[in-house]
Amino acid sequence: MSLTTLEPLLEDAKAIKMDLAIEGTYEAVTEHLQIFMSNDKA
């Protein structure tokens, strides 16, 4: 996976993390990203 592909995803992840961190669900972001990246490799 190229960095160019990841950059928009990382920007989205930052926004998601900011929203979810308020609710204390950072773990959900990490899990979502792991699933997303696993699906992308398939």
C-alpha atoms as a PDB file:
ATOM      1  CA  MET A   1       0.000   0.000   0.000  1.00  0.00           C
ATOM      2  CA  SER A   2       1.437   3.346  -0.985  1.00  0.00           C
ATOM      3  CA  LEU A   3       1.727   6.358   1.265  1.00  0.00           C
ATOM      4  CA  THR A   4      -0.369   8.306  -1.241  1.00  0.00           C
ATOM      5  CA  THR A   5      -3.210   5.840  -0.666  1.00  0.00           C
ATOM      6  CA  LEU A   6      -2.816   6.035   3.099  1.00  0.00           C
ATOM      7  CA  GLU A   7      -2.729   9.807   3.496  1.00  0.00           C
ATOM      8  CA  PRO A   8      -6.484  10.428   3.001  1.00  0.00           C
ATOM      9  CA  LEU A   9      -7.203   7.458   5.274  1.00  0.00           C
ATOM     10  CA  LEU A  10      -4.921   8.856   7.953  1.00  0.00           C
ATOM     11  CA  GLU A  11      -6.637  12.241   7.720  1.00  0.00           C
ATOM     12  CA  ASP A  12     -10.007  10.497   8.128  1.00  0.00           C
ATOM     13  CA  ALA A  13      -8.632   8.491  11.024  1.00  0.00           C
ATOM     14  CA  LYS A  14      -7.517  11.672  12.778  1.00  0.00           C
ATOM     15  CA  ALA A  15     -11.013  13.125  12.450  1.00  0.00           C
ATOM     16  CA  ILE A  16     -12.619   9.877  13.607  1.00  0.00           C
ATOM     17  CA  LYS A  17     -10.180   9.624  16.508  1.00  0.00           C
ATOM     18  CA  MET A  18     -10.962  13.173  17.601  1.00  0.00           C
ATOM     19  CA  ASP A  19     -14.682  12.376  17.638  1.00  0.00           C
ATOM     20  CA  LEU A  20     -14.393   8.981  19.295  1.00  0.00           C
ATOM     21  CA  ALA A  21     -11.702   9.933  21.797  1.00  0.00           C
ATOM     22  CA  ILE A  22     -14.265  12.214  23.410  1.00  0.00           C
ATOM     23  CA  GLU A  23     -16.366   9.113  24.048  1.00  0.00           C
ATOM     24  CA  GLY A  24     -13.332   7.088  25.093  1.00  0.00           C
ATOM     25  CA  THR A  25     -13.527   4.672  22.159  1.00  0.00           C
ATOM     26  CA  TYR A  26     -10.074   5.027  20.598  1.00  0.00           C
ATOM     27  CA  GLU A  27      -9.886   1.232  20.476  1.00  0.00           C
ATOM     28  CA  ALA A  28     -12.723   1.236  17.958  1.00  0.00           C
ATOM     29  CA  VAL A  29     -10.651   3.432  15.634  1.00  0.00           C
ATOM     30  CA  THR A  30      -7.666   1.109  15.829  1.00  0.00           C
ATOM     31  CA  GLU A  31      -9.833  -1.935  15.168  1.00  0.00           C
ATOM     32  CA  HIS A  32     -11.585  -0.209  12.267  1.00  0.00           C
ATOM     33  CA  LEU A  33      -8.268   0.733  10.673  1.00  0.00           C
ATOM     34  CA  GLN A  34      -6.876  -2.791  11.044  1.00  0.00           C
ATOM     35  CA  ILE A  35      -9.985  -4.238   9.365  1.00  0.00           C
ATOM     36  CA  PHE A  36      -9.956  -1.566   6.662  1.00  0.00           C
ATOM     37  CA  MET A  37      -6.292  -2.149   5.855  1.00  0.00           C
ATOM     38  CA  SER A  38      -6.760  -5.931   5.882  1.00  0.00           C
ATOM     39  CA  ASN A  39      -9.635  -5.602   3.417  1.00  0.00           C
ATOM     40  CA  ASP A  40      -7.575  -3.283   1.232  1.00  0.00           C
ATOM     41  CA  LYS A  41      -4.795  -5.880   0.906  1.00  0.00           C
ATOM     42  CA  ALA A  42      -7.213  -8.646  -0.073  1.00  0.00           C
END
